[in-house]
N, C-alpha and C. Protein backbone atom coordinates (compact mmCIF):
# COMPACT_ATOMS: atom_id res chain seq x y z
N UNK A 1 100.79 142.83 71.33
CA UNK A 1 100.72 143.42 72.47
C UNK A 1 102.48 143.84 71.54
N UNK A 2 102.89 145.33 71.68
CA UNK A 2 104.33 145.41 70.83
C UNK A 2 104.90 146.35 72.13
N UNK A 3 106.04 146.37 72.36
CA UNK A 3 106.49 147.63 73.31
C UNK A 3 106.91 148.58 71.75
N UNK A 4 106.95 150.05 72.66
CA UNK A 4 107.35 150.53 71.45
C UNK A 4 108.31 151.69 72.15
N UNK A 5 108.20 151.68 73.42
CA UNK A 5 108.68 153.08 74.26
C UNK A 5 109.56 152.31 75.48
N UNK A 6 110.46 153.04 76.03
CA UNK A 6 111.37 152.76 77.23
C UNK A 6 111.73 154.24 77.53
N UNK A 7 111.20 154.19 79.51
CA UNK A 7 111.18 155.26 80.36
C UNK A 7 112.05 154.40 81.24
N UNK A 8 113.23 154.80 81.84
CA UNK A 8 113.80 154.46 82.87
C UNK A 8 113.57 153.44 83.64
N UNK A 9 114.32 152.25 82.12
CA UNK A 9 114.62 150.94 82.35
C UNK A 9 113.15 149.98 82.24
N UNK A 10 112.42 150.86 82.00
CA UNK A 10 110.71 150.07 81.90
C UNK A 10 110.43 150.37 80.46
N UNK A 11 109.92 148.83 79.89
CA UNK A 11 109.64 149.06 78.73
C UNK A 11 107.90 148.84 78.90
N UNK A 12 107.03 149.59 77.89
CA UNK A 12 105.57 150.37 77.76
C UNK A 12 105.40 149.62 76.25
N UNK A 13 104.07 148.64 76.33
CA UNK A 13 103.55 148.40 75.26
C UNK A 13 102.31 148.81 74.67
N UNK A 14 102.00 149.04 73.62
CA UNK A 14 100.68 149.36 72.91
C UNK A 14 99.23 149.22 74.37
N UNK A 15 99.16 147.86 74.79
CA UNK A 15 98.46 147.97 75.48
C UNK A 15 98.80 148.61 76.69
N UNK A 16 99.56 148.87 77.35
CA UNK A 16 100.09 149.73 78.60
C UNK A 16 99.64 151.46 78.24
N UNK A 17 99.48 152.06 76.87
CA UNK A 17 99.24 153.05 76.45
C UNK A 17 97.50 153.31 76.61
N UNK A 18 96.93 152.48 75.61
CA UNK A 18 95.49 152.08 76.07
C UNK A 18 94.58 152.48 77.29
N UNK A 19 95.31 151.20 77.73
CA UNK A 19 95.14 151.12 79.64
C UNK A 19 94.55 152.61 80.32
N UNK A 20 96.33 153.14 79.81
CA UNK A 20 96.68 154.84 80.39
C UNK A 20 95.17 155.36 79.79
N UNK A 21 95.36 155.62 78.69
CA UNK A 21 93.95 156.38 78.26
C UNK A 21 92.75 156.42 78.84
N UNK A 22 92.01 154.90 78.55
CA UNK A 22 91.27 154.34 79.72
C UNK A 22 91.14 155.01 81.42
N UNK A 23 91.87 155.26 81.84
CA UNK A 23 92.44 155.41 83.15
C UNK A 23 92.34 156.96 83.37
N UNK A 24 92.43 157.79 81.75
CA UNK A 24 92.24 159.54 82.02
C UNK A 24 90.84 159.31 81.63
N UNK A 25 90.11 158.87 80.95
CA UNK A 25 88.26 159.03 81.10
C UNK A 25 88.47 158.68 79.29
N UNK A 26 89.39 158.92 78.92
CA UNK A 26 89.32 159.01 77.28
C UNK A 26 88.03 157.63 76.82
N UNK A 27 87.24 157.76 75.85
CA UNK A 27 86.01 156.75 75.73
C UNK A 27 85.98 156.86 74.26
N UNK A 28 85.46 155.87 73.82
CA UNK A 28 84.80 155.93 72.74
C UNK A 28 83.80 157.06 72.00
N UNK A 29 84.31 157.70 70.72
CA UNK A 29 83.31 159.19 70.53
C UNK A 29 83.84 160.50 70.70
N UNK A 30 84.90 160.23 71.80
CA UNK A 30 85.39 161.37 72.55
C UNK A 30 86.33 162.26 71.21
N UNK A 31 86.46 163.30 71.79
CA UNK A 31 87.45 164.13 70.54
C UNK A 31 88.67 165.10 71.11
N UNK A 32 89.56 164.68 70.85
CA UNK A 32 90.96 165.10 71.64
C UNK A 32 91.63 165.79 70.55
N UNK A 33 92.22 166.66 71.38
CA UNK A 33 93.46 167.70 70.41
C UNK A 33 94.34 167.38 71.63
N UNK A 34 95.67 166.80 70.84
CA UNK A 34 96.78 166.34 71.17
C UNK A 34 97.89 167.43 70.83
N UNK A 35 98.30 167.69 71.67
CA UNK A 35 99.77 168.49 71.11
C UNK A 35 100.74 168.45 72.12
N UNK A 36 102.07 167.48 71.30
CA UNK A 36 103.01 167.15 72.63
C UNK A 36 104.35 166.82 71.88
N UNK A 37 105.58 166.63 72.40
CA UNK A 37 106.75 166.83 71.71
C UNK A 37 106.73 164.83 72.12
N UNK A 38 106.53 164.34 70.89
CA UNK A 38 106.48 162.57 71.61
C UNK A 38 107.57 162.07 72.34
N UNK A 39 108.96 162.40 71.68
CA UNK A 39 109.53 161.73 71.50
C UNK A 39 110.40 161.90 72.30
N UNK A 40 109.50 162.49 73.78
CA UNK A 40 110.12 163.07 74.90
C UNK A 40 109.46 162.25 76.01
N UNK A 41 108.54 160.93 75.73
CA UNK A 41 108.11 160.12 76.46
C UNK A 41 108.87 159.38 76.93
N UNK A 42 109.99 159.08 76.05
CA UNK A 42 111.40 158.22 76.41
C UNK A 42 112.49 157.55 75.37
N UNK A 43 112.80 156.60 75.47
CA UNK A 43 113.26 156.04 74.04
C UNK A 43 112.31 155.40 73.24
N UNK A 44 112.28 155.88 71.71
CA UNK A 44 111.50 154.85 70.97
C UNK A 44 111.99 153.55 70.89
N UNK A 45 111.24 152.66 70.73
CA UNK A 45 111.80 151.40 70.61
C UNK A 45 111.18 151.05 69.14
N UNK A 46 111.04 151.74 68.50
CA UNK A 46 110.80 151.56 67.01
C UNK A 46 111.02 152.60 65.91
N UNK A 47 110.85 152.43 65.28
CA UNK A 47 111.35 153.47 63.90
C UNK A 47 110.67 154.73 64.41
N UNK A 48 110.88 155.66 64.01
CA UNK A 48 110.10 156.72 63.95
C UNK A 48 108.71 156.80 63.74
N UNK A 49 108.89 156.61 62.05
CA UNK A 49 107.19 156.21 61.78
C UNK A 49 106.26 155.00 62.23
N UNK A 50 106.99 154.15 62.50
CA UNK A 50 105.91 152.81 63.49
C UNK A 50 106.08 153.64 64.85
N UNK A 51 106.45 153.85 65.49
CA UNK A 51 106.36 154.94 66.81
C UNK A 51 105.06 155.54 66.72
N UNK A 52 104.95 156.34 65.63
CA UNK A 52 104.33 157.15 65.28
C UNK A 52 102.69 156.67 64.46
N UNK A 53 102.80 155.43 64.31
CA UNK A 53 102.03 154.84 64.06
C UNK A 53 101.03 153.98 65.11
N UNK A 54 101.96 153.55 66.06
CA UNK A 54 101.23 152.60 67.02
C UNK A 54 100.67 153.76 68.26
N UNK A 55 101.21 155.29 68.23
CA UNK A 55 100.61 156.19 68.94
C UNK A 55 99.12 155.91 68.63
N UNK A 56 98.88 156.32 67.13
CA UNK A 56 97.74 156.83 66.53
C UNK A 56 96.66 155.58 66.79
N UNK A 57 97.68 153.93 66.22
CA UNK A 57 96.44 152.95 66.58
C UNK A 57 96.40 153.02 67.88
N UNK A 58 97.25 153.35 68.95
CA UNK A 58 96.02 153.36 70.18
C UNK A 58 95.00 154.43 70.40
N UNK A 59 95.46 155.68 70.05
CA UNK A 59 94.18 156.50 70.46
C UNK A 59 93.12 156.02 69.42
N UNK A 60 92.99 155.59 68.28
CA UNK A 60 91.89 154.99 67.52
C UNK A 60 91.15 153.94 67.78
N UNK A 61 92.19 152.94 68.37
CA UNK A 61 91.48 152.06 69.45
C UNK A 61 90.76 152.63 70.45
N UNK A 62 90.95 153.43 70.68
CA UNK A 62 90.11 153.49 72.09
C UNK A 62 88.79 155.08 71.53
N UNK A 63 89.77 155.62 70.97
CA UNK A 63 88.61 156.69 70.37
C UNK A 63 86.86 155.99 68.87
N UNK A 64 87.71 155.02 68.75
CA UNK A 64 86.68 154.27 67.30
C UNK A 64 86.45 155.12 66.71
N UNK A 65 85.71 154.56 65.60
CA UNK A 65 85.56 155.71 64.53
C UNK A 65 84.75 156.69 64.58
N UNK A 66 84.13 156.94 65.97
CA UNK A 66 82.93 158.26 65.74
C UNK A 66 83.51 159.12 66.74
N UNK A 67 84.92 158.95 66.94
CA UNK A 67 86.05 160.24 67.81
C UNK A 67 86.64 160.68 67.00
N UNK A 68 87.10 161.89 67.34
CA UNK A 68 88.17 163.00 66.23
C UNK A 68 89.32 163.04 67.16
N UNK A 69 90.32 163.44 66.12
CA UNK A 69 91.82 163.57 66.89
C UNK A 69 91.99 164.78 66.03
N UNK A 70 92.43 165.69 66.49
CA UNK A 70 93.49 166.79 66.24
C UNK A 70 94.60 167.09 66.88
């Protein structure tokens, strides 16, 4: 587990994000189009590259090799 984001004094981990994806109904094999200003989620606790890498890892952990991220 790695903390990568802080918002309103609470730290969020990669596991928190993966759990949120599952709660939204995102599952293996889905096709997702993501368009957002990622740094507006809160304060990044990692370098920009590590932050973005963590987000991508979380998406693909849920989507699997069968899924598509646009």
